[in-house]
Amino acid sequence: MSERFHSFTIEAFTKSIVDRFMYTLPKHEQPNDDYKLVFNPRDSDSRTSLTFDQLTIMALKIVNSSPYLMSSIRATYKYVFIDEFQDLNGHQYDFVKSIFCKSQSVVTVVGDTKQSIMKFANALPDGFIKFEEDFQADIKVIFTNFRAVPELKKFIDCIGNEWWPINSENVESDIECVELNKNNYSLLCFDDEEHEVKQLSLKIKQWIDEDEIKPEEIAVLFRTNTNNNYSKNLSKALLDLDILSVNESNIQDHLSEPLGKVIISLLCLLTRVRDVDAWESLRHSYIYCSSSNSLHKDFELSRILELIGSNQCYGEGANKSFDIISDTIAEIMNEFFYDNLKKTWSQYNQGTLMDDTFNGVLKELKEARNISSSWADAVDLISGVGAIRMMTIHKSKGLEFEAVILLGLEDFSYFRYGMTQKKLDEERSTVFVALSRAKSKLLVSCALGREHTGQSKFSHVTSIINDLAKFGMNKLRVEKSDYLKI
C-alpha cells in the first residue's frame, strides 16, 4: 500500500498537472515549455515566467475543461489529506474544492489557525469555515499539542488563549500563569550580539554534555536570516566549542526532493563502510521509479553496488577530492536514476529543478567538508546528523525538537516596517509556531545591538515579550559578568 501513497506540496501537484496537460489549454494561454518560476507577480509575463498562483489557476482551468482528467484524479485519490490547511490561499482552495467537493473522495484537512503564518501570501482567513460549509465536514477541535512536557504545554496553551481566546465549554476560560524553571525557560536580553552568542553557545554545550541532548535535537530559529546575519556568529561560537551546526534554510528544500534523497543515500554509501538504512532507501527509490522487470532491476541494483564499492570515499579513498566524488555521483545518477526520476516525478521534466537540486546538495557538501574531519562527517552535517539545526521559523513548521532557541526577538525582524493589528496578529502566529516546536527546553533571546542592525528597537515587539513574561517565562537581563548563569 505504501506505493499508493503520494505526498506533494499543493504547488507541486498543480505544477505537475500544468506540465503534463498544458497543451489542452488554448494556444494563447499555454506557457512556454521551459517556463521559469518566479515569486513576485511583477516578474511574471504568463508565458516564460509564472508564479505558483498562476500555475494553480491554469491547473484549475485544465481539470475543469477535461471531465476525463477530473474523473481520473478523483479515481486515483480516494483519500485526500491536506496538512497545514490554514495556509491555503483562495486559488488553492478553489482547486481542491473543484476537484474533490461532491466527489466520492474522503477529504480530511488538518491545521491550526494559531499558526497562520502565510497571511502575507493571502492565506484564507476563513478557510475552515468554507471547508465545513462546502464539504459538509465534521469539525474536530484539538485544544493543545502533545509533544511538550506538561509545564511547557500549559504555558503554550496560556499564550494561545491570550492571543486567540477560545470560546468553548471544554476549555478553562481563566488560565493562570505557569511556574517555569528559569534554567529551561527564559527570555534573555543581552547587551550585544557578541555576548549573546558566547552565552548561548555555552548553554547549548551544557545541554549536550550535561543533559545529554543530541545536537540534532536542538534548534535555533530566526524570523529571517538573510545572508546568514543571525546564524553566522553563533555558528562560529559553536565551532570554537567543537559543536557543528547546519543552516537548514540552504539545504532543506533540496533534501525534501526525491532526487535529493537519492543523492544523500548515495553519499552515505560512498563515504562509510556499511549503511543498511541508506541502501534500503536507495533500493526503494530505484525500485519505485524504475520500469524494468524484476530480474533486470536485480541486475542493475547489483551494478549500483559494484560502482559504489569501487569508488568508496573512506579508508584508502578517504582523501578523494570533491570533483572525484561529484563525478562519481553524476555517473551513477546518469546511468540509473535521472531518466527514471523524470518518468516518475513530473517536476523534473520542466525547468531547472533537477540541476538546481543536484548542484545545491553538492555545494552544501563541499562547504560542509571544510569544517568536517571526513566526507562521512560532511554528509552527516548536511543531513542534520550530529549538528545543531538552524532555520527560519517558516522552515520549522511541522518539526519538533527537544530544545529550541528563538533568536532575535526585536523590531527589526518582526516589525521593521511598522505595526498594525493585522501585522501584530501575523507575528504572534509566527512566534507561536516557534514556541510550539519545543518539547522540554525553550529560550527566547534578544540583543540590544547587532552587527547588521545597529542598536535594536523594541517599540512594537514589547507587547509579545510582555505576554510571554506574563504567563510564566522568566525575563532576564544577562550582564556580561554573568558567565554561564542562564
Protein backbone atom coordinates (compact mmCIF):
# COMPACT_ATOMS: atom_id res chain seq x y z
CA MET A 1 0.00 0.00 0.00
CA SER A 2 2.95 2.37 0.54
CA GLU A 3 3.38 2.66 -3.23
CA ARG A 4 -0.16 4.02 -3.43
CA PHE A 5 0.72 6.81 -1.00
CA HIS A 6 1.66 10.04 -2.77
CA SER A 7 2.89 13.09 -0.92
CA PHE A 8 3.11 16.51 -2.60
CA THR A 9 3.02 20.15 -1.75
CA ILE A 10 -0.09 21.59 -3.35
CA GLU A 11 2.21 23.73 -5.51
CA ALA A 12 3.99 20.62 -6.82
CA PHE A 13 0.66 18.91 -7.51
CA THR A 14 -0.78 21.80 -9.52
CA LYS A 15 2.53 22.26 -11.36
CA SER A 16 2.57 18.58 -12.36
CA ILE A 17 -0.89 18.99 -13.93
CA VAL A 18 0.20 22.04 -15.92
CA ASP A 19 3.42 20.38 -17.08
CA ARG A 20 1.61 17.25 -18.30
CA PHE A 21 -1.55 18.75 -19.74
CA MET A 22 -0.74 22.36 -20.70
CA TYR A 23 -1.48 21.58 -24.35
CA THR A 24 -5.17 21.18 -23.56
CA LEU A 25 -5.30 24.94 -22.94
CA PRO A 26 -5.94 27.35 -25.81
CA LYS A 27 -2.70 28.16 -27.61
CA HIS A 28 -2.55 31.73 -26.33
CA GLU A 29 -2.90 30.54 -22.71
CA GLN A 30 -0.15 27.91 -22.83
CA PRO A 31 3.13 28.71 -21.06
CA ASN A 32 6.45 28.01 -22.74
CA ASP A 33 7.86 24.52 -22.23
CA ASP A 34 10.88 25.97 -20.43
CA TYR A 35 8.99 28.50 -18.27
CA LYS A 36 10.61 29.64 -15.04
CA LEU A 37 9.01 30.03 -11.64
CA VAL A 38 9.07 33.47 -10.04
CA PHE A 39 7.73 34.61 -6.67
CA ASN A 40 6.94 38.24 -7.45
CA PRO A 41 3.93 38.73 -9.79
CA ARG A 42 5.71 41.77 -11.24
CA ASP A 43 8.34 39.42 -12.68
CA SER A 44 5.75 37.29 -14.48
CA ASP A 45 4.69 37.55 -18.12
CA SER A 46 2.35 34.49 -18.05
CA ARG A 47 4.37 32.66 -20.71
CA THR A 48 8.07 32.46 -19.90
CA SER A 49 7.80 33.28 -16.17
CA LEU A 50 4.95 32.21 -13.91
CA THR A 51 4.04 32.40 -10.23
CA PHE A 52 2.64 29.44 -8.31
CA ASP A 53 -0.74 31.19 -8.19
CA GLN A 54 -0.77 31.40 -11.99
CA LEU A 55 0.07 27.68 -12.18
CA THR A 56 -2.81 26.90 -9.81
CA ILE A 57 -5.25 28.92 -11.94
CA MET A 58 -4.00 27.12 -15.09
CA ALA A 59 -4.32 23.71 -13.40
CA LEU A 60 -7.89 24.56 -12.39
CA LYS A 61 -8.75 25.52 -15.98
CA ILE A 62 -7.24 22.27 -17.25
CA VAL A 63 -9.17 19.95 -14.91
CA ASN A 64 -12.42 21.88 -15.39
CA SER A 65 -12.10 21.60 -19.18
CA SER A 66 -11.48 17.84 -19.12
CA PRO A 67 -14.11 15.63 -17.45
CA TYR A 68 -11.87 12.63 -18.18
CA LEU A 69 -8.93 14.14 -16.31
CA MET A 70 -11.20 15.24 -13.46
CA SER A 71 -12.62 11.72 -13.03
CA SER A 72 -9.14 10.21 -13.34
CA ILE A 73 -7.79 12.33 -10.47
CA ARG A 74 -10.80 11.50 -8.32
CA ALA A 75 -10.40 7.79 -9.04
CA THR A 76 -6.68 7.94 -8.24
CA TYR A 77 -7.09 9.71 -4.91
CA LYS A 78 -9.92 8.14 -2.93
CA TYR A 79 -8.47 9.60 0.25
CA VAL A 80 -7.09 13.13 0.40
CA PHE A 81 -5.27 14.54 3.42
CA ILE A 82 -4.31 18.22 3.48
CA ASP A 83 -1.95 19.33 6.23
CA GLU A 84 -1.32 22.96 7.25
CA PHE A 85 -4.72 23.78 5.80
CA GLN A 86 -4.73 27.24 7.39
CA ASP A 87 -2.02 28.26 4.88
CA LEU A 88 -4.06 27.60 1.70
CA ASN A 89 -4.88 30.69 -0.32
CA GLY A 90 -8.06 31.28 -2.32
CA HIS A 91 -6.79 29.84 -5.62
CA GLN A 92 -5.52 26.69 -3.92
CA TYR A 93 -8.79 26.21 -2.07
CA ASP A 94 -10.79 26.65 -5.28
CA PHE A 95 -8.59 24.00 -6.91
CA VAL A 96 -9.21 21.49 -4.11
CA LYS A 97 -12.91 22.29 -3.99
CA SER A 98 -13.40 21.99 -7.75
CA ILE A 99 -11.84 18.51 -7.89
CA PHE A 100 -12.92 16.83 -4.67
CA CYS A 101 -16.06 18.56 -3.40
CA LYS A 102 -19.15 16.37 -4.02
CA SER A 103 -16.90 13.54 -5.21
CA GLN A 104 -16.57 10.08 -3.65
CA SER A 105 -13.13 11.01 -2.27
CA VAL A 106 -12.77 11.29 1.51
CA VAL A 107 -11.16 14.64 2.25
CA THR A 108 -9.54 15.40 5.62
CA VAL A 109 -7.88 18.71 6.42
CA VAL A 110 -5.73 19.50 9.45
CA GLY A 111 -4.42 22.83 10.61
CA ASP A 112 -4.08 25.35 13.40
CA THR A 113 -5.35 28.88 12.94
CA LYS A 114 -2.94 29.99 15.65
CA GLN A 115 -0.10 29.02 13.30
CA SER A 116 -1.35 31.03 10.31
CA ILE A 117 2.00 32.41 9.15
CA MET A 118 1.21 32.65 5.44
CA LYS A 119 -1.14 35.63 5.63
CA PHE A 120 1.37 37.65 3.62
CA ALA A 121 0.75 35.12 0.81
CA ASN A 122 -3.04 35.68 1.02
CA ALA A 123 -3.87 32.60 3.07
CA LEU A 124 -7.62 32.35 3.58
CA PRO A 125 -8.65 33.80 6.95
CA ASP A 126 -11.83 31.69 6.99
CA GLY A 127 -10.65 28.52 5.26
CA PHE A 128 -12.04 26.12 7.86
CA ILE A 129 -15.45 27.79 7.77
CA LYS A 130 -15.53 27.48 3.98
CA PHE A 131 -14.46 23.85 4.14
CA GLU A 132 -17.11 23.00 6.72
CA GLU A 133 -19.83 24.56 4.57
CA ASP A 134 -18.68 23.36 1.14
CA PHE A 135 -17.73 19.79 2.10
CA GLN A 136 -20.39 19.32 4.82
CA ALA A 137 -17.49 18.45 7.10
CA ASP A 138 -17.40 17.46 10.75
CA ILE A 139 -15.11 19.70 12.79
CA LYS A 140 -12.95 18.13 15.48
CA VAL A 141 -11.10 20.63 17.70
CA ILE A 142 -7.81 19.81 19.43
CA PHE A 143 -7.04 22.42 22.04
CA THR A 144 -3.42 21.59 22.83
CA ASN A 145 -0.29 19.93 21.47
CA PHE A 146 1.02 16.71 22.94
CA ARG A 147 4.72 16.95 22.16
CA ALA A 148 5.70 19.23 25.03
CA VAL A 149 6.26 18.43 28.71
CA PRO A 150 3.28 19.43 30.92
CA GLU A 151 4.57 22.82 32.14
CA LEU A 152 5.61 23.93 28.66
CA LYS A 153 2.36 22.67 27.17
CA LYS A 154 0.38 24.68 29.70
CA PHE A 155 2.47 27.80 29.01
CA ILE A 156 1.87 27.48 25.26
CA ASP A 157 -1.86 26.97 25.88
CA CYS A 158 -1.92 30.13 28.00
CA ILE A 159 -0.24 32.19 25.28
CA GLY A 160 -2.56 30.80 22.61
CA ASN A 161 -5.64 31.56 24.67
CA GLU A 162 -4.40 35.08 25.43
CA TRP A 163 -3.83 35.92 21.77
CA TRP A 164 -6.76 33.99 20.33
CA PRO A 165 -9.35 33.42 23.10
CA ILE A 166 -11.16 30.10 22.82
CA ASN A 167 -14.90 30.17 23.34
CA SER A 168 -15.70 26.65 24.38
CA GLU A 169 -17.28 24.95 27.36
CA ASN A 170 -14.50 22.34 27.19
CA VAL A 171 -11.69 24.83 27.87
CA GLU A 172 -10.94 26.78 31.02
CA SER A 173 -11.79 30.43 30.40
CA ASP A 174 -9.39 31.74 33.04
CA ILE A 175 -5.94 30.17 32.64
CA GLU A 176 -3.39 31.05 35.30
CA CYS A 177 0.26 31.68 34.56
CA VAL A 178 2.73 28.81 34.81
CA GLU A 179 5.71 28.41 37.11
CA LEU A 180 8.57 27.77 34.67
CA ASN A 181 12.10 26.76 35.65
CA LYS A 182 14.37 29.61 34.53
CA ASN A 183 17.14 27.17 33.58
CA ASN A 184 14.89 25.66 30.93
CA TYR A 185 12.54 28.51 30.01
CA SER A 186 13.75 32.10 29.89
CA LEU A 187 13.51 35.26 27.85
CA LEU A 188 17.06 36.61 27.76
CA CYS A 189 18.24 40.11 26.92
CA PHE A 190 21.94 40.63 26.13
CA ASP A 191 23.94 43.84 25.76
CA ASP A 192 25.23 42.88 22.32
CA GLU A 193 25.46 40.06 19.83
CA GLU A 194 28.98 39.03 20.88
CA HIS A 195 27.83 38.41 24.44
CA GLU A 196 24.69 36.66 23.20
CA VAL A 197 26.43 34.09 21.02
CA LYS A 198 29.06 33.33 23.66
CA GLN A 199 26.45 32.63 26.31
CA LEU A 200 24.07 30.72 24.03
CA SER A 201 26.86 28.53 22.67
CA LEU A 202 27.87 27.64 26.24
CA LYS A 203 24.25 26.88 27.09
CA ILE A 204 23.96 24.59 24.07
CA LYS A 205 27.16 22.80 25.13
CA GLN A 206 25.66 22.35 28.58
CA TRP A 207 22.52 20.83 27.06
CA ILE A 208 24.66 18.38 25.08
CA ASP A 209 27.18 17.47 27.81
CA GLU A 210 25.07 17.54 30.97
CA ASP A 211 21.51 16.98 29.77
CA GLU A 212 22.63 14.51 27.08
CA ILE A 213 20.53 16.09 24.35
CA LYS A 214 21.67 15.11 20.87
CA PRO A 215 22.82 18.11 18.80
CA GLU A 216 20.23 17.38 16.09
CA GLU A 217 17.53 17.65 18.79
CA ILE A 218 18.46 21.32 19.34
CA ALA A 219 17.13 24.01 17.01
CA VAL A 220 17.94 27.70 16.68
CA LEU A 221 15.11 29.56 14.98
CA PHE A 222 15.00 33.02 13.39
CA ARG A 223 12.23 35.17 11.92
CA THR A 224 14.56 35.91 8.98
CA ASN A 225 18.17 35.00 8.29
CA THR A 226 19.10 36.93 5.15
CA ASN A 227 22.80 36.46 4.32
CA ASN A 228 23.06 34.34 7.49
CA ASN A 229 23.03 37.57 9.52
CA TYR A 230 21.59 35.91 12.61
CA SER A 231 23.23 32.48 12.35
CA LYS A 232 26.83 33.11 11.29
CA ASN A 233 28.22 34.40 14.60
CA LEU A 234 26.53 31.70 16.65
CA SER A 235 27.81 29.05 14.22
CA LYS A 236 31.36 30.33 14.73
CA ALA A 237 30.98 30.36 18.52
CA LEU A 238 29.68 26.78 18.45
CA LEU A 239 32.52 25.67 16.20
CA ASP A 240 35.01 27.08 18.73
CA LEU A 241 33.45 24.61 21.19
CA ASP A 242 33.73 21.77 18.63
CA ILE A 243 29.97 21.79 18.03
CA LEU A 244 28.81 21.67 14.45
CA SER A 245 25.71 23.44 13.16
CA VAL A 246 23.88 23.30 9.86
CA ASN A 247 21.88 26.11 8.27
CA GLU A 248 18.89 24.16 7.02
CA SER A 249 17.47 27.16 5.20
CA ASN A 250 20.01 26.39 2.47
CA ILE A 251 19.60 22.61 2.21
CA GLN A 252 16.09 21.75 3.43
CA ASP A 253 14.30 22.28 0.11
CA HIS A 254 16.84 20.14 -1.75
CA LEU A 255 16.63 17.23 0.70
CA SER A 256 12.83 17.19 0.54
CA GLU A 257 13.06 16.33 -3.18
CA PRO A 258 13.12 12.66 -4.32
CA LEU A 259 16.35 13.46 -6.16
CA GLY A 260 17.88 14.96 -3.01
CA LYS A 261 17.04 11.81 -1.03
CA VAL A 262 18.72 9.64 -3.68
CA ILE A 263 21.88 11.77 -3.66
CA ILE A 264 22.13 11.66 0.15
CA SER A 265 21.69 7.86 0.12
CA LEU A 266 24.46 7.55 -2.47
CA LEU A 267 26.75 9.82 -0.48
CA CYS A 268 26.17 7.80 2.71
CA LEU A 269 27.05 4.57 0.89
CA LEU A 270 30.14 6.07 -0.74
CA THR A 271 31.53 7.55 2.46
CA ARG A 272 31.14 4.80 5.06
CA VAL A 273 31.76 1.08 5.40
CA ARG A 274 28.17 -0.07 5.82
CA ASP A 275 24.90 1.81 5.93
CA VAL A 276 21.92 -0.52 5.74
CA ASP A 277 19.34 2.29 6.05
CA ALA A 278 20.93 4.24 3.18
CA TRP A 279 20.95 1.15 0.96
CA GLU A 280 17.32 0.36 1.72
CA SER A 281 16.37 3.96 0.93
CA LEU A 282 18.33 3.92 -2.35
CA ARG A 283 16.98 0.49 -3.30
CA HIS A 284 13.40 1.55 -2.60
CA SER A 285 13.83 4.73 -4.65
CA TYR A 286 15.19 2.76 -7.60
CA ILE A 287 12.51 0.05 -7.49
CA TYR A 288 9.76 2.67 -7.14
CA CYS A 289 10.80 4.73 -10.15
CA SER A 290 12.24 2.03 -12.44
CA SER A 291 10.03 0.43 -15.10
CA SER A 292 12.40 -2.54 -15.61
CA ASN A 293 11.28 -6.10 -14.88
CA SER A 294 12.32 -7.66 -11.58
CA LEU A 295 15.29 -9.62 -12.98
CA HIS A 296 16.71 -6.55 -14.70
CA LYS A 297 16.19 -4.49 -11.53
CA ASP A 298 18.19 -7.03 -9.52
CA PHE A 299 21.00 -6.86 -12.08
CA GLU A 300 21.08 -3.07 -12.04
CA LEU A 301 20.97 -2.91 -8.25
CA SER A 302 23.99 -5.21 -8.18
CA ARG A 303 25.69 -2.93 -10.70
CA ILE A 304 24.99 0.10 -8.47
CA LEU A 305 26.59 -1.71 -5.53
CA GLU A 306 29.65 -2.52 -7.65
CA LEU A 307 30.08 1.12 -8.65
CA ILE A 308 29.71 2.24 -5.04
CA GLY A 309 32.24 -0.35 -3.86
CA SER A 310 34.82 0.58 -6.50
CA ASN A 311 34.51 4.31 -5.76
CA GLN A 312 34.49 4.28 -1.96
CA CYS A 313 35.50 7.50 -0.23
CA TYR A 314 36.65 6.02 3.07
CA GLY A 315 39.69 4.01 4.06
CA GLU A 316 42.16 4.31 1.19
CA GLY A 317 39.73 6.60 -0.62
CA ALA A 318 39.24 9.00 2.29
CA ASN A 319 41.30 11.75 0.64
CA LYS A 320 39.44 11.80 -2.67
CA SER A 321 38.74 15.26 -3.99
CA PHE A 322 35.32 16.86 -4.21
CA ASP A 323 35.49 16.74 -8.02
CA ILE A 324 36.03 12.97 -8.00
CA ILE A 325 33.08 12.44 -5.66
CA SER A 326 30.91 14.75 -7.74
CA ASP A 327 31.82 12.87 -10.94
CA THR A 328 31.03 9.53 -9.29
CA ILE A 329 27.60 10.71 -8.16
CA ALA A 330 26.91 12.12 -11.64
CA GLU A 331 27.93 8.82 -13.28
CA ILE A 332 25.60 6.73 -11.13
CA MET A 333 22.76 9.22 -11.46
CA ASN A 334 23.11 9.38 -15.25
CA GLU A 335 23.15 5.61 -15.67
CA PHE A 336 20.42 4.59 -13.25
CA PHE A 337 18.32 7.43 -11.87
CA TYR A 338 17.87 10.56 -13.95
CA ASP A 339 15.61 9.11 -16.66
CA ASN A 340 13.66 7.05 -14.15
CA LEU A 341 13.13 10.04 -11.86
CA LYS A 342 11.88 12.09 -14.79
CA LYS A 343 9.37 9.39 -15.71
CA THR A 344 8.09 9.18 -12.14
CA TRP A 345 8.27 12.79 -10.95
CA SER A 346 6.91 15.30 -13.42
CA GLN A 347 8.60 18.28 -11.77
CA TYR A 348 11.91 17.13 -13.27
CA ASN A 349 10.67 17.30 -16.84
CA GLN A 350 10.50 21.07 -16.96
CA GLY A 351 12.72 23.90 -15.78
CA THR A 352 15.97 23.58 -13.86
CA LEU A 353 14.81 21.83 -10.67
CA MET A 354 16.87 18.69 -11.33
CA ASP A 355 20.10 20.63 -11.94
CA ASP A 356 19.38 23.01 -9.07
CA THR A 357 18.84 20.14 -6.63
CA PHE A 358 21.94 18.22 -7.74
CA ASN A 359 24.20 21.28 -7.65
CA GLY A 360 22.63 22.56 -4.43
CA VAL A 361 23.28 19.37 -2.46
CA LEU A 362 26.86 19.08 -3.71
CA LYS A 363 27.55 22.75 -3.00
CA GLU A 364 26.47 22.22 0.61
CA LEU A 365 28.61 19.06 0.78
CA LYS A 366 31.69 20.95 -0.40
CA GLU A 367 31.19 23.68 2.20
CA ALA A 368 30.49 21.14 4.95
CA ARG A 369 33.75 19.30 4.20
CA ASN A 370 35.69 22.45 5.08
CA ILE A 371 34.61 22.13 8.72
CA SER A 372 34.34 18.33 8.94
CA SER A 373 37.00 15.71 9.65
CA SER A 374 35.85 13.33 6.90
CA TRP A 375 33.50 13.01 3.97
CA ALA A 376 31.17 10.89 6.13
CA ASP A 377 31.01 13.69 8.72
CA ALA A 378 30.30 16.20 5.96
CA VAL A 379 27.39 14.06 4.72
CA ASP A 380 26.06 13.83 8.27
CA LEU A 381 26.37 17.58 8.64
CA ILE A 382 24.28 18.45 5.59
CA SER A 383 21.78 15.79 6.65
CA GLY A 384 21.49 17.39 10.08
CA VAL A 385 23.04 14.43 11.94
CA GLY A 386 25.17 15.42 14.92
CA ALA A 387 24.69 19.13 14.27
CA ILE A 388 22.67 21.96 15.78
CA ARG A 389 19.87 22.75 13.34
CA MET A 390 19.42 26.39 12.35
CA MET A 391 16.47 27.55 10.27
CA THR A 392 13.80 30.19 9.88
CA ILE A 393 10.56 29.74 11.78
CA HIS A 394 8.73 29.15 8.49
CA LYS A 395 11.07 26.25 7.70
CA SER A 396 10.43 24.73 11.13
CA LYS A 397 6.71 24.17 10.51
CA GLY A 398 5.82 20.56 11.24
CA LEU A 399 9.11 19.81 13.04
CA GLU A 400 9.79 19.30 16.75
CA PHE A 401 12.94 19.49 18.88
CA GLU A 402 13.88 18.69 22.45
CA ALA A 403 15.31 22.20 22.91
CA VAL A 404 14.62 25.41 20.98
CA ILE A 405 16.27 28.83 20.99
CA LEU A 406 14.27 31.61 19.35
CA LEU A 407 16.90 34.21 18.47
CA GLY A 408 16.35 37.85 17.56
CA LEU A 409 13.02 38.84 19.10
CA GLU A 410 13.40 42.51 18.12
CA ASP A 411 11.54 45.02 15.97
CA PHE A 412 13.94 44.68 13.03
CA SER A 413 12.90 41.09 12.35
CA TYR A 414 9.22 41.29 13.20
CA PHE A 415 8.06 44.90 12.82
CA ARG A 416 10.70 46.50 10.63
CA TYR A 417 8.05 48.26 8.55
CA GLY A 418 5.74 49.28 11.37
CA MET A 419 2.82 47.88 13.34
CA THR A 420 -0.82 47.28 12.50
CA GLN A 421 -3.28 44.98 14.24
CA LYS A 422 -3.09 42.63 11.23
CA LYS A 423 0.71 42.64 11.42
CA LEU A 424 0.65 42.01 15.17
CA ASP A 425 -1.67 39.04 14.70
CA GLU A 426 0.57 37.63 11.97
CA GLU A 427 3.73 37.95 14.06
CA ARG A 428 2.03 36.46 17.09
CA SER A 429 1.35 33.42 14.90
CA THR A 430 5.00 33.36 13.83
CA VAL A 431 6.22 33.42 17.43
CA PHE A 432 3.62 30.83 18.42
CA VAL A 433 4.95 28.43 15.78
CA ALA A 434 8.46 28.82 17.20
CA LEU A 435 7.34 28.28 20.80
CA SER A 436 5.38 25.16 19.90
CA ARG A 437 8.39 23.44 18.27
CA ALA A 438 9.96 22.78 21.70
CA LYS A 439 9.43 19.63 23.76
CA SER A 440 11.26 20.36 27.01
CA LYS A 441 13.52 23.44 26.83
CA LEU A 442 12.84 26.88 25.39
CA LEU A 443 14.94 30.06 25.37
CA VAL A 444 13.98 33.32 23.69
CA SER A 445 16.85 35.72 23.03
CA CYS A 446 17.20 39.37 22.10
CA ALA A 447 20.19 41.72 21.96
CA LEU A 448 20.35 45.47 22.45
CA GLY A 449 22.64 45.73 19.43
CA ARG A 450 23.59 43.65 16.37
CA GLU A 451 26.22 43.96 13.64
CA HIS A 452 23.75 44.29 10.78
CA THR A 453 21.02 46.33 12.53
CA GLY A 454 22.92 48.59 14.90
CA GLN A 455 21.01 49.46 18.06
CA SER A 456 17.95 47.26 18.42
CA LYS A 457 14.46 48.66 18.87
CA PHE A 458 11.60 47.17 20.90
CA SER A 459 8.78 49.62 20.22
CA HIS A 460 6.37 47.02 18.86
CA VAL A 461 7.71 43.59 19.84
CA THR A 462 7.48 44.57 23.52
CA SER A 463 3.80 43.56 23.63
CA ILE A 464 4.77 39.99 22.65
CA ILE A 465 7.66 39.95 25.15
CA ASN A 466 5.37 41.15 27.94
CA ASP A 467 2.82 38.45 27.18
CA LEU A 468 5.50 35.75 27.35
CA ALA A 469 6.59 37.08 30.73
CA LYS A 470 3.00 37.47 31.93
CA PHE A 471 2.34 33.75 31.60
CA GLY A 472 5.47 32.46 33.25
CA MET A 473 8.56 32.91 31.08
CA ASN A 474 11.43 34.32 33.12
CA LYS A 475 12.53 37.70 31.77
CA LEU A 476 16.25 38.13 32.47
CA ARG A 477 18.78 40.84 31.64
CA VAL A 478 22.08 38.93 31.25
CA GLU A 479 25.05 41.00 32.34
CA LYS A 480 28.47 40.37 30.82
CA SER A 481 29.69 39.24 34.21
CA ASP A 482 27.02 36.51 34.30
CA TYR A 483 29.19 33.78 32.84
CA LEU A 484 27.01 30.80 32.01
CA LYS A 485 24.37 31.70 34.57
CA ILE A 486 21.49 31.48 32.12
